[in-house]
Amino acid sequence: MSPALRLSTLAVLALVGCERSPAPGQARVDLRHTRAPGGTPVVSWSGDQVTAEELRQRLEEMSPAQRERYQTLERKREYVEGLARYELLVQEALARGLQDDPEVVAATKRALVSRLMRARLDDALPPVSEAQLADAYARHREDYVRPEQVRLSHLFLAAPRSDAARVARAHETAGKLLAEARALPPTDFAAFGRLARAHSEEPRTQPLDGDLRYRSFEELARDFGPEVAEAARALVPTGPGTLSGVVRTDTGLHVLQLTGHQPALNQTLEDVRVALSGRLAQEQRARAWTEWISELEHRAALTVDAAALARVHVDLNAPVRPASGPAPGSLPAPFPSVQVTPP
């Protein structure tokens, strides 16, 4: 245990000798180093000790390289005296009443909540099962398996093939608009969008600055014609910002700009197992944590006086006061403190 964490435990009120049960928010705790009777002491001080049995266990918990350091009596003495001196500092802190110091109390609360979360979420919740993984993969399969997609903005001029005069007029207008588009910075998608909003005659996308969102080539062919799909495919090698020429379809003329590209995705369950398992575990923890907090609130009859709360004035112009103590605790997010990465 780190010195900071061990010191933080002092904040739990040590009401030793008090026969009554502690009040809510108070607790009795035994801060002696050795609480179990028996054993052979190797170092003792004012009612406490380190035993030979504990020392053997501590040494066995070390790596062989660490144990090499404690082969001599002098080194073992240095080690146990260090343990004893630390405990003397704990006793002195208690003698000075530091268990009630606001910083120690705040640190203890954080340590208690952290340990409670581990006990409630890490230790108690079952691991994600194979059935849960398979179900989640099936429900979100489109996130892992999808065809190649492109995102386009387009400027459309209505001109059915059957109306030659209208096609001619639209073609002349489209050529002028294409020249304007080519004069714009290639990646200034907003500028092309303004051009589409001002001139496009496609009612579904004109209010969206001509944005077609991400679509597969099959969807483009179905919704706008195979000519648009083929023109879009030709834009991919040169990347976002590339403009097409004037593309003619049965319904009219298009000027296209490539704004995004997503390659085809074909990830199996094995490919995404680690990431998906982590996401499901986080979702499981979040649900369990929310449900348990609600249960604690119910057991404690937690209520909020909305009227009194509304009367608390927040003065934006008041000067900032010096901190009166440590910042109060807040509800932590129920996510793992250690992230598991795939091998």
Protein backbone atom coordinates (compact mmCIF):
# COMPACT_ATOMS: atom_id res chain seq x y z
CA MET A 1 0.00 0.00 0.00
CA SER A 2 1.34 3.43 -0.93
CA PRO A 3 2.09 5.97 1.83
CA ALA A 4 -0.62 8.28 0.47
CA LEU A 5 -3.27 5.56 0.57
CA ARG A 6 -2.18 4.34 3.99
CA LEU A 7 -2.27 7.89 5.33
CA SER A 8 -5.72 8.41 3.83
CA THR A 9 -7.15 5.59 5.93
CA LEU A 10 -6.50 7.69 9.01
CA ALA A 11 -9.56 9.77 8.16
CA VAL A 12 -11.88 6.98 9.26
CA LEU A 13 -12.73 8.01 12.82
CA ALA A 14 -10.87 5.71 15.17
CA LEU A 15 -13.41 5.50 17.96
CA VAL A 16 -11.50 2.77 19.77
CA GLY A 17 -13.03 1.95 23.12
CA CYS A 18 -16.42 3.41 22.29
CA GLU A 19 -19.08 0.76 22.87
CA ARG A 20 -21.85 2.46 20.93
CA SER A 21 -22.25 1.82 17.21
CA PRO A 22 -20.76 4.65 15.17
CA ALA A 23 -23.14 7.25 13.79
CA PRO A 24 -23.72 7.44 10.03
CA GLY A 25 -20.61 8.85 8.42
CA GLN A 26 -18.39 7.63 11.27
CA ALA A 27 -16.54 4.34 11.71
CA ARG A 28 -14.23 2.45 13.99
CA VAL A 29 -11.05 1.09 12.44
CA ASP A 30 -8.06 -0.81 13.77
CA LEU A 31 -4.88 0.85 12.49
CA ARG A 32 -2.47 -1.42 14.31
CA HIS A 33 0.14 -3.04 12.08
CA THR A 34 -0.40 -6.52 13.51
CA ARG A 35 -3.98 -7.31 14.45
CA ALA A 36 -3.85 -11.08 14.78
CA PRO A 37 -2.41 -12.51 18.05
CA GLY A 38 0.60 -14.82 18.12
CA GLY A 39 3.70 -15.01 16.04
CA THR A 40 7.33 -14.39 16.81
CA PRO A 41 8.11 -10.67 16.97
CA VAL A 42 11.24 -9.50 15.18
CA VAL A 43 10.64 -5.83 16.01
CA SER A 44 8.24 -4.40 18.62
CA TRP A 45 7.00 -0.98 19.69
CA SER A 46 4.30 0.26 22.09
CA GLY A 47 1.84 -2.61 21.77
CA ASP A 48 2.52 -3.51 18.15
CA GLN A 49 5.01 -5.63 16.24
CA VAL A 50 6.25 -7.16 13.01
CA THR A 51 6.43 -10.92 13.26
CA ALA A 52 8.84 -13.37 11.68
CA GLU A 53 5.89 -15.01 9.97
CA GLU A 54 4.85 -11.73 8.30
CA LEU A 55 8.45 -11.00 7.30
CA ARG A 56 8.75 -14.39 5.57
CA GLN A 57 5.50 -13.72 3.68
CA ARG A 58 6.63 -10.25 2.62
CA LEU A 59 9.94 -11.62 1.35
CA GLU A 60 8.20 -14.42 -0.56
CA GLU A 61 6.02 -11.82 -2.27
CA MET A 62 9.16 -10.19 -3.68
CA SER A 63 10.90 -11.23 -6.86
CA PRO A 64 14.11 -13.28 -6.48
CA ALA A 65 16.11 -10.20 -7.51
CA GLN A 66 14.54 -8.16 -4.70
CA ARG A 67 15.06 -10.91 -2.14
CA GLU A 68 18.76 -10.96 -2.99
CA ARG A 69 19.04 -7.63 -1.19
CA TYR A 70 17.96 -9.07 2.16
CA GLN A 71 20.43 -11.90 2.59
CA THR A 72 22.29 -10.24 5.45
CA LEU A 73 21.13 -9.40 8.98
CA GLU A 74 21.87 -5.72 8.39
CA ARG A 75 19.61 -5.55 5.35
CA LYS A 76 16.76 -7.41 7.09
CA ARG A 77 17.11 -5.09 10.08
CA GLU A 78 16.94 -2.07 7.77
CA TYR A 79 13.74 -3.42 6.24
CA VAL A 80 11.84 -4.19 9.46
CA GLU A 81 12.97 -0.94 11.09
CA GLY A 82 11.56 0.91 8.07
CA LEU A 83 8.20 -0.83 8.59
CA ALA A 84 8.23 0.02 12.29
CA ARG A 85 9.17 3.68 11.75
CA TYR A 86 6.32 4.09 9.29
CA GLU A 87 3.89 2.73 11.88
CA LEU A 88 5.31 5.10 14.49
CA LEU A 89 4.44 7.96 12.16
CA VAL A 90 0.89 6.57 11.89
CA GLN A 91 0.60 6.47 15.67
CA GLU A 92 1.91 10.03 15.96
CA ALA A 93 -0.57 11.24 13.33
CA LEU A 94 -3.41 9.68 15.34
CA ALA A 95 -2.09 11.17 18.55
CA ARG A 96 -2.26 14.60 16.93
CA GLY A 97 -5.83 14.04 15.75
CA LEU A 98 -4.93 14.15 12.06
CA GLN A 99 -7.59 11.56 11.30
CA ASP A 100 -10.02 14.51 11.43
CA ASP A 101 -7.97 16.76 9.13
CA PRO A 102 -10.16 17.77 6.13
CA GLU A 103 -7.53 16.73 3.58
CA VAL A 104 -7.16 13.32 5.21
CA VAL A 105 -10.92 12.87 5.41
CA ALA A 106 -11.31 13.81 1.72
CA ALA A 107 -8.51 11.42 0.70
CA THR A 108 -10.10 8.64 2.74
CA LYS A 109 -13.47 9.16 1.12
CA ARG A 110 -11.87 8.89 -2.32
CA ALA A 111 -10.05 5.71 -1.30
CA LEU A 112 -13.23 4.21 0.16
CA VAL A 113 -15.31 4.98 -2.93
CA SER A 114 -12.59 3.62 -5.21
CA ARG A 115 -12.38 0.38 -3.25
CA LEU A 116 -16.17 0.13 -3.11
CA MET A 117 -16.37 0.46 -6.88
CA ARG A 118 -13.83 -2.32 -7.36
CA ALA A 119 -15.73 -4.56 -4.96
CA ARG A 120 -19.07 -3.81 -6.55
CA LEU A 121 -18.11 -3.71 -10.23
CA ASP A 122 -14.77 -5.42 -10.85
CA ASP A 123 -15.09 -8.23 -8.33
CA ALA A 124 -18.83 -8.87 -8.46
CA LEU A 125 -19.84 -8.53 -12.10
CA PRO A 126 -19.48 -11.62 -14.32
CA PRO A 127 -17.30 -11.40 -17.44
CA VAL A 128 -18.91 -10.81 -20.81
CA SER A 129 -20.14 -14.16 -22.13
CA GLU A 130 -19.73 -15.62 -25.61
CA ALA A 131 -23.50 -15.37 -26.12
CA GLN A 132 -23.44 -11.66 -25.29
CA LEU A 133 -20.55 -11.09 -27.69
CA ALA A 134 -22.25 -12.96 -30.53
CA ASP A 135 -25.54 -11.12 -29.96
CA ALA A 136 -23.87 -7.69 -29.90
CA TYR A 137 -21.89 -8.50 -33.05
CA ALA A 138 -25.07 -9.55 -34.86
CA ARG A 139 -26.99 -6.43 -33.75
CA HIS A 140 -24.20 -4.08 -34.85
CA ARG A 141 -22.94 -6.04 -37.82
CA GLU A 142 -23.11 -2.98 -40.07
CA ASP A 143 -20.34 -1.45 -37.92
CA TYR A 144 -18.01 -4.31 -38.85
CA VAL A 145 -19.08 -5.47 -42.30
CA ARG A 146 -19.96 -2.91 -44.97
CA PRO A 147 -19.14 -2.19 -48.62
CA GLU A 148 -16.87 0.60 -49.81
CA GLN A 149 -18.59 3.96 -49.35
CA VAL A 150 -18.07 7.50 -50.59
CA ARG A 151 -19.44 10.81 -49.42
CA LEU A 152 -20.31 13.29 -52.15
CA SER A 153 -21.70 16.75 -52.48
CA HIS A 154 -23.51 17.38 -55.74
CA LEU A 155 -25.01 20.20 -57.72
CA PHE A 156 -27.94 18.97 -59.79
CA LEU A 157 -29.74 20.62 -62.69
CA ALA A 158 -32.99 18.96 -63.77
CA ALA A 159 -32.99 18.12 -67.49
CA PRO A 160 -34.69 14.91 -68.68
CA ARG A 161 -32.99 13.23 -71.63
CA SER A 162 -36.19 13.53 -73.62
CA ASP A 163 -36.07 17.35 -73.51
CA ALA A 164 -33.10 18.18 -75.76
CA ALA A 165 -33.52 21.94 -75.50
CA ARG A 166 -33.61 21.84 -71.75
CA VAL A 167 -30.58 19.55 -71.68
CA ALA A 168 -28.66 22.02 -73.81
CA ARG A 169 -29.50 24.96 -71.57
CA ALA A 170 -28.70 22.96 -68.43
CA HIS A 171 -25.40 21.79 -69.92
CA GLU A 172 -24.34 25.37 -70.56
CA THR A 173 -25.26 26.37 -66.99
CA ALA A 174 -23.54 23.29 -65.54
CA GLY A 175 -20.34 24.15 -67.40
CA LYS A 176 -20.30 27.64 -65.90
CA LEU A 177 -20.97 26.28 -62.39
CA LEU A 178 -18.23 23.66 -62.82
CA ALA A 179 -15.80 26.45 -63.72
CA GLU A 180 -16.81 28.32 -60.55
CA ALA A 181 -16.32 25.15 -58.49
CA ARG A 182 -12.86 24.56 -59.95
CA ALA A 183 -11.86 28.08 -58.94
CA LEU A 184 -12.56 27.24 -55.29
CA PRO A 185 -9.92 25.74 -52.95
CA PRO A 186 -10.24 21.93 -53.40
CA THR A 187 -10.90 21.21 -49.73
CA ASP A 188 -13.21 24.17 -49.11
CA PHE A 189 -16.24 21.92 -48.91
CA ALA A 190 -18.35 24.70 -47.40
CA ALA A 191 -17.79 26.90 -50.47
CA PHE A 192 -18.95 24.13 -52.83
CA GLY A 193 -21.90 23.60 -50.49
CA ARG A 194 -22.91 27.24 -50.83
CA LEU A 195 -22.76 26.88 -54.61
CA ALA A 196 -25.01 23.81 -54.43
CA ARG A 197 -27.46 25.49 -52.08
CA ALA A 198 -27.74 28.46 -54.44
CA HIS A 199 -28.12 26.54 -57.73
CA SER A 200 -28.98 22.86 -57.17
CA GLU A 201 -32.45 21.70 -58.20
CA GLU A 202 -32.47 18.41 -56.26
CA PRO A 203 -35.03 19.00 -53.45
CA ARG A 204 -33.73 16.34 -51.04
CA THR A 205 -30.14 17.54 -50.91
CA GLN A 206 -30.26 21.24 -51.85
CA PRO A 207 -31.12 22.26 -48.25
CA LEU A 208 -28.13 20.15 -47.11
CA ASP A 209 -25.66 22.03 -49.36
CA GLY A 210 -25.80 19.12 -51.78
CA ASP A 211 -24.53 16.58 -49.22
CA LEU A 212 -25.36 12.97 -50.16
CA ARG A 213 -23.95 11.47 -46.92
CA TYR A 214 -22.01 8.21 -47.08
CA ARG A 215 -23.37 5.77 -49.64
CA SER A 216 -22.11 2.64 -51.36
CA PHE A 217 -21.70 2.65 -55.13
CA GLU A 218 -24.71 0.36 -55.34
CA GLU A 219 -26.82 2.89 -53.41
CA LEU A 220 -25.61 5.74 -55.61
CA ALA A 221 -26.55 3.82 -58.74
CA ARG A 222 -29.97 3.00 -57.34
CA ASP A 223 -30.78 6.51 -56.09
CA PHE A 224 -29.11 8.74 -58.71
CA GLY A 225 -28.14 6.54 -61.64
CA PRO A 226 -25.21 4.31 -62.61
CA GLU A 227 -23.44 7.28 -64.23
CA VAL A 228 -23.14 8.99 -60.82
CA ALA A 229 -21.80 5.78 -59.26
CA GLU A 230 -19.15 5.38 -61.96
CA ALA A 231 -18.14 9.04 -61.74
CA ALA A 232 -17.85 8.74 -57.96
CA ARG A 233 -15.65 5.65 -58.28
CA ALA A 234 -13.32 7.60 -60.57
CA LEU A 235 -12.89 10.34 -57.94
CA VAL A 236 -11.60 8.01 -55.21
CA PRO A 237 -7.94 7.64 -56.34
CA THR A 238 -7.31 11.41 -56.19
CA GLY A 239 -9.00 11.83 -52.79
CA PRO A 240 -11.40 14.29 -51.11
CA GLY A 241 -11.85 17.64 -52.84
CA THR A 242 -11.74 16.18 -56.35
CA LEU A 243 -14.41 17.40 -58.76
CA SER A 244 -16.07 15.43 -61.54
CA GLY A 245 -16.95 16.79 -64.92
CA VAL A 246 -20.57 17.30 -65.84
CA VAL A 247 -22.26 13.92 -65.32
CA ARG A 248 -25.39 13.26 -67.38
CA THR A 249 -28.15 10.94 -66.14
CA ASP A 250 -31.72 10.24 -67.27
CA THR A 251 -33.04 12.98 -64.98
CA GLY A 252 -30.47 15.73 -65.40
CA LEU A 253 -26.90 16.90 -64.94
CA HIS A 254 -24.66 16.55 -61.88
CA VAL A 255 -21.45 18.18 -60.75
CA LEU A 256 -19.90 16.04 -58.01
CA GLN A 257 -17.30 16.71 -55.33
CA LEU A 258 -15.78 13.88 -53.29
CA THR A 259 -15.78 14.81 -49.58
CA GLY A 260 -15.03 11.46 -47.96
CA HIS A 261 -14.15 7.82 -48.57
CA GLN A 262 -14.46 4.69 -46.44
CA PRO A 263 -12.87 1.47 -47.68
CA ALA A 264 -14.82 -1.76 -47.49
CA LEU A 265 -14.89 -3.31 -44.03
CA ASN A 266 -15.07 -7.04 -43.31
CA GLN A 267 -14.24 -7.69 -39.66
CA THR A 268 -15.17 -11.02 -38.09
CA LEU A 269 -16.17 -11.47 -34.47
CA GLU A 270 -12.63 -12.63 -33.73
CA ASP A 271 -11.25 -9.43 -35.26
CA VAL A 272 -13.30 -7.23 -32.93
CA ARG A 273 -13.52 -9.49 -29.88
CA VAL A 274 -11.30 -7.41 -27.59
CA ALA A 275 -12.83 -4.04 -28.48
CA LEU A 276 -16.40 -5.34 -28.42
CA SER A 277 -15.89 -7.15 -25.13
CA GLY A 278 -14.51 -3.95 -23.61
CA ARG A 279 -17.47 -1.92 -24.84
CA LEU A 280 -19.98 -4.44 -23.48
CA ALA A 281 -18.17 -4.56 -20.15
CA GLN A 282 -18.36 -0.77 -19.88
CA GLU A 283 -22.05 -0.80 -20.71
CA GLN A 284 -22.62 -3.53 -18.12
CA ARG A 285 -20.70 -1.57 -15.49
CA ALA A 286 -22.62 1.63 -16.27
CA ARG A 287 -25.99 -0.12 -15.91
CA ALA A 288 -24.99 -1.90 -12.71
CA TRP A 289 -23.54 1.28 -11.20
CA THR A 290 -26.64 3.36 -12.02
CA GLU A 291 -28.97 0.72 -10.60
CA TRP A 292 -26.91 0.37 -7.43
CA ILE A 293 -26.68 4.13 -6.85
CA SER A 294 -30.47 4.28 -7.17
CA GLU A 295 -30.77 1.49 -4.61
CA LEU A 296 -28.49 3.37 -2.18
CA GLU A 297 -30.53 6.54 -2.66
CA HIS A 298 -33.72 4.65 -1.89
CA ARG A 299 -32.27 3.00 1.23
CA ALA A 300 -31.00 6.33 2.52
CA ALA A 301 -34.27 8.14 1.66
CA LEU A 302 -32.32 10.71 -0.36
CA THR A 303 -34.45 13.73 -1.25
CA VAL A 304 -33.79 17.07 -2.92
CA ASP A 305 -35.65 20.17 -1.73
CA ALA A 306 -36.14 21.84 -5.09
CA ALA A 307 -37.64 24.98 -3.56
CA ALA A 308 -34.70 25.52 -1.22
CA LEU A 309 -32.27 24.71 -4.00
CA ALA A 310 -33.91 27.26 -6.30
CA ARG A 311 -33.41 29.97 -3.67
CA VAL A 312 -29.62 29.50 -3.68
CA HIS A 313 -28.41 32.48 -5.68
CA VAL A 314 -25.43 32.09 -8.01
CA ASP A 315 -23.69 35.48 -8.15
CA LEU A 316 -21.60 35.65 -11.31
CA ASN A 317 -20.04 38.93 -10.20
CA ALA A 318 -18.94 37.88 -6.72
CA PRO A 319 -15.16 37.68 -6.16
CA VAL A 320 -13.63 34.23 -5.91
CA ARG A 321 -13.16 33.22 -2.29
CA PRO A 322 -10.15 31.27 -1.05
CA ALA A 323 -10.88 27.56 -0.82
CA SER A 324 -12.33 26.63 2.57
CA GLY A 325 -11.01 23.07 2.26
CA PRO A 326 -10.63 20.22 -0.20
CA ALA A 327 -13.11 20.13 -3.08
CA PRO A 328 -16.09 17.88 -2.31
CA GLY A 329 -16.25 14.50 -3.95
CA SER A 330 -18.41 13.75 -6.97
CA LEU A 331 -19.86 10.60 -8.46
CA PRO A 332 -17.11 8.81 -10.41
CA ALA A 333 -17.70 7.27 -13.82
CA PRO A 334 -18.03 3.48 -13.62
CA PHE A 335 -15.28 2.67 -16.12
CA PRO A 336 -12.29 0.39 -15.59
CA SER A 337 -9.16 2.06 -14.28
CA VAL A 338 -7.03 -0.35 -16.34
CA GLN A 339 -7.57 -0.70 -20.09
CA VAL A 340 -6.92 -4.09 -21.63
CA THR A 341 -5.22 -3.99 -25.02
CA PRO A 342 -5.05 -6.89 -27.44
CA PRO A 343 -1.77 -8.84 -27.55
